[in-house]
């Protein structure tokens, strides 16, 4: 081949490669968006209770997210290293004939601390605890973000205060970076800050993975009372973070519904809060509210709402909703799980799955069974009506 021809050929190949790279990068940076008018229940799939996988106990599945390129799911366990070290699973979920046909766990890796060590087994009075509640995958940076709920526990013998955290890790579990907590979101000995078991229960990326939303399960102490039977005025917060700077750029007030039934007695488990969130498009979030009430222990009340952020008021500088009354987000009921008339367990995870043959998107839900013999490890599949 002549030198000129060789040079031209190389130049051509470089141009093709550059355009191809740009095309792939552009495609990879775009988050799929949709609209939802309704959702249709397709089927329930039950995993055997607390099976063993690679010497770990599979359970406590509190968050799920889908990697479309690899057709695999990430599932975080909220086990505080009691049964096995704090961990994340990958899995294949095969859908056939509009039903979940099989769920196969394909790998597991430990969530590592900043020093590279596994999280120790949780002990009262110690200041280390992993309590994973949500996990989301960022395909642009090929990393995960997870929320650690921390601990707020007062006992006669000891007091345990473990600060919650929002952390970026590699897809092998290695610590990469953490997001600074917004002011007032700390766990304290006072009735100020985050309540026990009420940190960022929900996470979702938005704006082509430039934005991360994080929802508090229940109100901060300074924002007023928890939801209760007959009281639908509880206000929690949804925070918006810029992913690159990790800066908290907005906070929104979200009005929780009242407990749907009257508890038979007082209990820490009498509550309604945000269990998970999922971005639908640039201005819409799907919110899952989950409620329990003493005396109704075998049933979890799950409702799905759509929230429009386009007219949302930024409450970032509002330090207390009881002092400065906020403008809550407007929400619209999408689906009440009670209409299914089947057992509803402790649903905590939501993700979009693959499209169905008709082009409609799917939603997949997973249960945190609390490693309890009395609970069911359910997965639900829904069809999204655009």
Protein backbone atom coordinates (compact mmCIF):
# COMPACT_ATOMS: atom_id res chain seq x y z
CA UNK A 1 0.00 0.00 0.00
CA UNK A 2 1.32 3.50 -0.86
CA UNK A 3 2.27 5.82 2.01
CA UNK A 4 -0.40 8.38 1.06
CA UNK A 5 -3.06 5.69 0.94
CA UNK A 6 -1.94 4.28 4.27
CA UNK A 7 -2.05 7.75 5.84
CA UNK A 8 -5.53 8.39 4.46
CA UNK A 9 -6.73 5.00 5.69
CA UNK A 10 -5.40 5.63 9.19
CA UNK A 11 -6.98 9.10 9.25
CA UNK A 12 -10.29 7.63 8.14
CA UNK A 13 -10.17 4.97 10.82
CA UNK A 14 -9.34 7.57 13.49
CA UNK A 15 -12.31 9.70 12.41
CA UNK A 16 -14.62 6.66 12.49
CA UNK A 17 -13.30 5.69 15.93
CA UNK A 18 -13.75 9.22 17.30
CA UNK A 19 -17.32 9.46 15.99
CA UNK A 20 -18.10 5.98 17.28
CA UNK A 21 -16.68 6.87 20.70
CA UNK A 22 -18.70 10.07 20.82
CA UNK A 23 -21.82 8.18 19.80
CA UNK A 24 -21.32 5.55 22.52
CA UNK A 25 -20.54 8.21 25.12
CA UNK A 26 -23.60 10.23 24.14
CA UNK A 27 -25.81 7.14 24.26
CA UNK A 28 -24.38 6.01 27.58
CA UNK A 29 -24.90 9.41 29.18
CA UNK A 30 -28.61 9.50 28.43
CA UNK A 31 -31.01 8.23 31.04
CA UNK A 32 -34.14 6.59 29.69
CA UNK A 33 -37.23 8.59 30.54
CA UNK A 34 -40.89 7.72 30.32
CA UNK A 35 -44.36 8.70 31.42
CA UNK A 36 -46.71 6.65 33.58
CA UNK A 37 -50.48 6.76 33.37
CA UNK A 38 -51.02 3.48 35.23
CA UNK A 39 -49.26 0.23 36.15
CA UNK A 40 -50.54 -3.31 35.72
CA UNK A 41 -49.59 -6.18 38.05
CA UNK A 42 -48.18 -9.14 36.10
CA UNK A 43 -46.93 -11.66 38.64
CA UNK A 44 -45.38 -12.50 41.98
CA UNK A 45 -42.18 -14.52 42.32
CA UNK A 46 -41.09 -15.96 45.67
CA UNK A 47 -37.47 -16.77 46.48
CA UNK A 48 -36.96 -19.51 49.11
CA UNK A 49 -36.49 -17.89 52.51
CA UNK A 50 -32.90 -16.96 53.41
CA UNK A 51 -31.08 -19.25 50.99
CA UNK A 52 -27.30 -19.58 51.11
CA UNK A 53 -25.17 -18.15 48.30
CA UNK A 54 -21.36 -18.28 48.32
CA UNK A 55 -21.32 -18.74 52.11
CA UNK A 56 -23.66 -15.78 52.70
CA UNK A 57 -27.28 -15.67 53.80
CA UNK A 58 -29.48 -14.05 51.14
CA UNK A 59 -31.98 -11.79 52.85
CA UNK A 60 -32.76 -8.26 53.94
CA UNK A 61 -32.92 -7.11 50.31
CA UNK A 62 -33.58 -3.41 50.79
CA UNK A 63 -32.68 -1.96 47.40
CA UNK A 64 -32.53 -3.03 43.77
CA UNK A 65 -31.23 -1.42 40.57
CA UNK A 66 -30.86 -2.55 36.97
CA UNK A 67 -27.77 -2.42 34.76
CA UNK A 68 -29.40 -2.59 31.31
CA UNK A 69 -26.13 -3.03 29.39
CA UNK A 70 -25.26 -6.23 31.28
CA UNK A 71 -28.89 -7.21 31.94
CA UNK A 72 -28.08 -7.67 35.61
CA UNK A 73 -29.42 -6.35 38.91
CA UNK A 74 -27.69 -5.04 42.01
CA UNK A 75 -29.40 -5.88 45.33
CA UNK A 76 -28.22 -4.51 48.67
CA UNK A 77 -28.77 -6.37 51.94
CA UNK A 78 -29.40 -4.39 55.12
CA UNK A 79 -27.70 -7.08 57.20
CA UNK A 80 -25.38 -5.19 59.62
CA UNK A 81 -22.82 -7.99 59.27
CA UNK A 82 -24.83 -10.17 61.67
CA UNK A 83 -25.35 -13.12 59.33
CA UNK A 84 -22.66 -12.31 56.75
CA UNK A 85 -20.50 -9.21 56.07
CA UNK A 86 -22.41 -6.19 54.73
CA UNK A 87 -22.84 -6.91 51.04
CA UNK A 88 -24.37 -6.40 47.62
CA UNK A 89 -25.53 -9.15 45.27
CA UNK A 90 -25.79 -9.25 41.52
CA UNK A 91 -28.55 -11.29 39.96
CA UNK A 92 -30.22 -12.26 36.70
CA UNK A 93 -33.99 -11.95 36.56
CA UNK A 94 -35.41 -13.79 33.57
CA UNK A 95 -38.79 -12.62 32.29
CA UNK A 96 -40.77 -14.93 30.03
CA UNK A 97 -44.34 -14.55 28.82
CA UNK A 98 -44.67 -11.35 30.86
CA UNK A 99 -43.75 -13.16 34.08
CA UNK A 100 -40.66 -13.49 36.25
CA UNK A 101 -39.53 -17.00 35.35
CA UNK A 102 -36.34 -17.33 37.41
CA UNK A 103 -34.10 -15.28 39.69
CA UNK A 104 -30.49 -16.39 39.83
CA UNK A 105 -27.87 -14.77 42.05
CA UNK A 106 -24.61 -14.44 40.10
CA UNK A 107 -22.13 -12.82 42.51
CA UNK A 108 -21.75 -11.18 45.90
CA UNK A 109 -19.22 -8.65 47.19
CA UNK A 110 -18.62 -6.99 50.53
CA UNK A 111 -19.22 -3.28 51.06
CA UNK A 112 -15.89 -1.98 52.32
CA UNK A 113 -15.14 0.83 54.72
CA UNK A 114 -12.85 3.73 53.83
CA UNK A 115 -9.88 1.83 55.30
CA UNK A 116 -10.58 -1.12 52.98
CA UNK A 117 -11.87 -3.44 55.70
CA UNK A 118 -15.25 -5.15 55.85
CA UNK A 119 -17.83 -3.71 58.23
CA UNK A 120 -17.63 -5.46 61.60
CA UNK A 121 -20.52 -7.29 63.16
CA UNK A 122 -22.82 -4.72 64.73
CA UNK A 123 -22.54 -4.44 68.52
CA UNK A 124 -24.32 -2.15 70.94
CA UNK A 125 -22.12 0.69 72.11
CA UNK A 126 -19.84 0.48 69.07
CA UNK A 127 -19.62 3.25 66.48
CA UNK A 128 -19.55 1.16 63.32
CA UNK A 129 -22.59 -0.22 61.60
CA UNK A 130 -23.58 -0.96 58.02
CA UNK A 131 -27.32 -0.73 57.41
CA UNK A 132 -27.79 -0.54 53.64
CA UNK A 133 -31.19 0.73 52.59
CA UNK A 134 -30.87 1.71 48.93
CA UNK A 135 -28.41 1.19 46.07
CA UNK A 136 -28.24 2.79 42.62
CA UNK A 137 -25.91 2.10 39.68
CA UNK A 138 -24.26 4.90 37.69
CA UNK A 139 -23.31 3.51 34.24
CA UNK A 140 -21.46 6.71 33.27
CA UNK A 141 -18.91 6.39 36.05
CA UNK A 142 -19.37 2.63 36.48
CA UNK A 143 -19.94 2.90 40.22
CA UNK A 144 -22.65 2.50 42.85
CA UNK A 145 -24.07 4.76 45.52
CA UNK A 146 -25.59 3.38 48.71
CA UNK A 147 -27.22 4.79 51.82
CA UNK A 148 -26.20 3.67 55.31
CA UNK A 149 -28.90 4.32 57.90
CA UNK A 150 -26.58 4.45 60.90
CA UNK A 151 -27.94 3.94 64.42
CA UNK A 152 -29.61 5.90 67.21
CA UNK A 153 -30.10 3.67 70.24
CA UNK A 154 -30.31 4.52 73.93
CA UNK A 155 -30.06 1.75 76.53
CA UNK A 156 -29.34 1.73 80.24
CA UNK A 157 -26.07 -0.11 79.66
CA UNK A 158 -24.84 1.85 76.66
CA UNK A 159 -25.67 4.38 73.97
CA UNK A 160 -25.04 3.77 70.27
CA UNK A 161 -24.76 6.67 67.86
CA UNK A 162 -23.59 5.82 64.33
CA UNK A 163 -23.78 8.63 61.80
CA UNK A 164 -25.68 7.85 58.60
CA UNK A 165 -23.86 8.11 55.29
CA UNK A 166 -24.31 8.41 51.56
CA UNK A 167 -21.35 6.75 49.86
CA UNK A 168 -20.00 6.03 46.38
CA UNK A 169 -18.34 2.64 45.91
CA UNK A 170 -16.91 0.66 43.02
CA UNK A 171 -18.79 -2.28 41.52
CA UNK A 172 -16.50 -4.47 43.65
CA UNK A 173 -17.47 -2.69 46.88
CA UNK A 174 -14.39 -0.48 47.31
CA UNK A 175 -14.93 2.89 49.01
CA UNK A 176 -14.58 5.80 46.57
CA UNK A 177 -16.13 8.90 48.11
CA UNK A 178 -18.84 10.12 50.45
CA UNK A 179 -21.44 12.88 50.22
CA UNK A 180 -21.38 15.49 53.01
CA UNK A 181 -24.58 15.36 55.05
CA UNK A 182 -26.83 18.41 54.82
CA UNK A 183 -26.93 20.53 57.96
CA UNK A 184 -29.44 19.14 60.43
CA UNK A 185 -29.29 15.59 59.04
CA UNK A 186 -26.99 14.23 61.74
CA UNK A 187 -27.94 11.72 64.41
CA UNK A 188 -27.75 13.30 67.85
CA UNK A 189 -28.60 12.56 71.47
CA UNK A 190 -31.12 15.39 71.36
CA UNK A 191 -34.50 15.37 69.63
CA UNK A 192 -32.82 16.97 66.65
CA UNK A 193 -31.71 15.55 63.33
CA UNK A 194 -32.48 12.12 61.92
CA UNK A 195 -34.78 9.72 63.74
CA UNK A 196 -33.79 6.10 64.31
CA UNK A 197 -34.18 4.01 61.13
CA UNK A 198 -35.33 7.05 59.15
CA UNK A 199 -32.40 8.20 57.01
CA UNK A 200 -32.12 8.10 53.19
CA UNK A 201 -34.30 5.08 52.53
CA UNK A 202 -34.74 6.09 48.89
CA UNK A 203 -32.24 7.05 46.18
CA UNK A 204 -32.50 7.71 42.45
CA UNK A 205 -30.34 9.26 39.75
CA UNK A 206 -31.80 11.87 37.39
CA UNK A 207 -30.79 14.33 34.67
CA UNK A 208 -28.59 11.82 32.82
CA UNK A 209 -26.88 10.85 36.10
CA UNK A 210 -25.90 14.43 36.91
CA UNK A 211 -28.37 14.58 39.80
CA UNK A 212 -29.02 12.30 42.78
CA UNK A 213 -32.26 12.49 44.78
CA UNK A 214 -32.36 11.08 48.31
CA UNK A 215 -35.50 10.77 50.44
CA UNK A 216 -35.73 10.66 54.21
CA UNK A 217 -38.08 7.92 55.37
CA UNK A 218 -39.63 10.06 58.12
CA UNK A 219 -39.53 13.69 59.30
CA UNK A 220 -36.48 15.15 60.95
CA UNK A 221 -37.17 15.89 64.61
CA UNK A 222 -37.11 19.62 63.86
CA UNK A 223 -39.71 19.15 61.11
CA UNK A 224 -42.48 17.90 63.35
CA UNK A 225 -44.43 14.77 64.21
CA UNK A 226 -44.37 11.39 62.52
CA UNK A 227 -47.34 10.13 60.55
CA UNK A 228 -50.03 8.52 62.72
CA UNK A 229 -53.54 7.17 62.47
CA UNK A 230 -55.75 10.19 61.88
CA UNK A 231 -52.75 12.47 61.26
CA UNK A 232 -51.76 13.12 57.63
CA UNK A 233 -49.66 16.21 58.32
CA UNK A 234 -46.20 14.63 58.70
CA UNK A 235 -43.58 16.30 56.49
CA UNK A 236 -40.36 14.64 55.42
CA UNK A 237 -37.68 15.83 52.97
CA UNK A 238 -36.43 14.85 49.54
CA UNK A 239 -32.93 16.20 48.88
CA UNK A 240 -31.33 16.95 45.53
CA UNK A 241 -27.55 16.59 45.10
CA UNK A 242 -25.25 17.58 42.27
CA UNK A 243 -23.30 14.38 41.58
CA UNK A 244 -20.03 16.02 40.50
CA UNK A 245 -19.73 18.54 43.34
CA UNK A 246 -21.65 16.36 45.86
CA UNK A 247 -23.36 19.59 46.93
CA UNK A 248 -26.91 19.56 48.29
CA UNK A 249 -28.61 22.03 45.95
CA UNK A 250 -32.27 21.62 46.92
CA UNK A 251 -34.63 20.14 49.49
CA UNK A 252 -38.36 19.59 49.04
CA UNK A 253 -41.11 18.99 51.58
CA UNK A 254 -43.11 15.81 51.09
CA UNK A 255 -46.42 15.23 52.90
CA UNK A 256 -46.76 11.66 54.21
CA UNK A 257 -50.15 10.03 54.42
CA UNK A 258 -51.74 8.98 57.72
CA UNK A 259 -51.45 5.42 59.00
CA UNK A 260 -54.23 3.55 57.16
CA UNK A 261 -55.29 1.56 60.25
CA UNK A 262 -55.39 2.19 63.98
CA UNK A 263 -52.57 0.39 65.87
CA UNK A 264 -53.64 -1.79 68.77
CA UNK A 265 -50.85 -0.38 70.98
CA UNK A 266 -47.90 2.00 70.93
CA UNK A 267 -44.84 0.74 69.08
CA UNK A 268 -41.75 2.02 67.27
CA UNK A 269 -43.13 0.24 64.21
CA UNK A 270 -46.28 2.34 63.99
CA UNK A 271 -45.21 4.48 61.07
CA UNK A 272 -45.66 5.57 57.49
CA UNK A 273 -42.66 6.76 55.50
CA UNK A 274 -40.97 6.87 52.13
CA UNK A 275 -39.49 3.45 51.41
CA UNK A 276 -38.00 4.14 47.95
CA UNK A 277 -38.05 6.62 45.08
CA UNK A 278 -37.47 6.28 41.34
CA UNK A 279 -37.06 8.95 38.69
CA UNK A 280 -39.58 8.76 35.84
CA UNK A 281 -38.45 11.80 33.84
CA UNK A 282 -36.84 15.18 34.41
CA UNK A 283 -39.71 16.48 36.51
CA UNK A 284 -41.46 13.38 37.90
CA UNK A 285 -40.61 11.02 40.76
CA UNK A 286 -42.29 7.77 41.73
CA UNK A 287 -42.62 7.59 45.53
CA UNK A 288 -43.31 4.41 47.50
CA UNK A 289 -44.94 4.99 50.88
CA UNK A 290 -44.85 2.06 53.29
CA UNK A 291 -46.81 1.79 56.53
CA UNK A 292 -46.98 -0.63 59.47
CA UNK A 293 -49.23 -0.72 62.50
CA UNK A 294 -49.10 -2.85 65.64
CA UNK A 295 -51.81 -5.49 65.56
CA UNK A 296 -51.55 -5.71 61.79
CA UNK A 297 -48.06 -7.20 61.82
CA UNK A 298 -48.64 -9.63 58.96
CA UNK A 299 -49.48 -6.88 56.48
CA UNK A 300 -47.51 -3.99 54.99
CA UNK A 301 -49.45 -1.11 53.48
CA UNK A 302 -47.83 0.07 50.22
CA UNK A 303 -48.95 3.01 48.09
CA UNK A 304 -47.27 4.48 45.02
CA UNK A 305 -47.47 8.17 44.21
CA UNK A 306 -46.33 10.36 41.34
CA UNK A 307 -44.77 13.69 42.32
CA UNK A 308 -44.25 16.64 39.98
CA UNK A 309 -41.07 18.59 40.75
CA UNK A 310 -41.57 21.27 38.10
CA UNK A 311 -43.29 23.69 40.48
CA UNK A 312 -41.50 22.53 43.64
CA UNK A 313 -40.38 25.07 46.21
CA UNK A 314 -36.77 24.71 47.35
CA UNK A 315 -36.77 24.44 51.16
CA UNK A 316 -32.98 24.18 51.44
CA UNK A 317 -32.77 27.18 53.76
CA UNK A 318 -35.78 26.14 55.84
CA UNK A 319 -34.20 24.76 59.01
CA UNK A 320 -37.49 23.72 60.62
CA UNK A 321 -40.85 22.98 59.05
CA UNK A 322 -42.55 23.63 62.39
CA UNK A 323 -41.17 27.18 62.49
CA UNK A 324 -41.33 28.08 58.80
CA UNK A 325 -44.20 26.29 57.08
CA UNK A 326 -43.12 24.81 53.75
CA UNK A 327 -44.92 24.31 50.46
CA UNK A 328 -45.21 20.50 50.09
CA UNK A 329 -44.87 18.71 46.78
CA UNK A 330 -48.08 17.81 44.98
CA UNK A 331 -48.61 14.06 44.77
CA UNK A 332 -51.01 11.85 42.88
CA UNK A 333 -51.93 8.28 43.85
CA UNK A 334 -50.80 5.84 41.17
CA UNK A 335 -51.40 2.46 42.79
CA UNK A 336 -52.46 0.94 46.10
CA UNK A 337 -51.04 -2.57 46.65
CA UNK A 338 -54.09 -3.49 48.74
CA UNK A 339 -56.18 -3.81 45.56
CA UNK A 340 -54.17 -6.94 44.70
CA UNK A 341 -55.85 -8.88 47.50
CA UNK A 342 -52.73 -11.01 48.12
CA UNK A 343 -50.13 -11.03 50.87
CA UNK A 344 -48.07 -7.82 50.83
CA UNK A 345 -44.77 -8.01 52.65
CA UNK A 346 -42.09 -5.41 53.43
CA UNK A 347 -41.40 -3.94 49.99
CA UNK A 348 -38.36 -1.68 49.93
CA UNK A 349 -36.81 -1.80 46.45
CA UNK A 350 -37.97 -0.53 43.04
CA UNK A 351 -36.27 -0.46 39.66
CA UNK A 352 -37.14 -0.34 36.00
CA UNK A 353 -36.42 -3.66 34.32
CA UNK A 354 -36.24 -4.59 30.62
CA UNK A 355 -38.96 -3.61 28.17
CA UNK A 356 -41.72 -6.08 27.38
CA UNK A 357 -42.29 -7.36 23.81
CA UNK A 358 -44.99 -4.68 23.35
CA UNK A 359 -42.43 -1.97 24.11
CA UNK A 360 -43.84 -1.12 27.54
CA UNK A 361 -41.42 -0.73 30.43
CA UNK A 362 -41.42 -2.97 33.47
CA UNK A 363 -41.17 -2.20 37.17
CA UNK A 364 -39.65 -4.75 39.55
CA UNK A 365 -40.16 -4.58 43.33
CA UNK A 366 -38.30 -6.54 46.02
CA UNK A 367 -38.94 -7.28 49.69
CA UNK A 368 -36.71 -6.87 52.73
CA UNK A 369 -37.70 -9.99 54.68
CA UNK A 370 -35.73 -8.95 57.79
CA UNK A 371 -34.30 -12.51 57.83
CA UNK A 372 -37.56 -13.48 59.52
CA UNK A 373 -39.11 -16.93 59.22
CA UNK A 374 -42.54 -15.32 59.30
CA UNK A 375 -41.93 -13.19 56.20
CA UNK A 376 -41.90 -13.89 52.46
CA UNK A 377 -39.10 -13.00 50.02
CA UNK A 378 -41.34 -11.60 47.29
CA UNK A 379 -40.57 -9.99 43.94
CA UNK A 380 -43.37 -8.27 42.00
CA UNK A 381 -43.41 -7.52 38.27
CA UNK A 382 -45.54 -4.70 36.85
CA UNK A 383 -46.15 -3.39 33.35
CA UNK A 384 -45.91 0.39 32.89
CA UNK A 385 -48.70 2.02 30.89
CA UNK A 386 -47.27 5.17 29.26
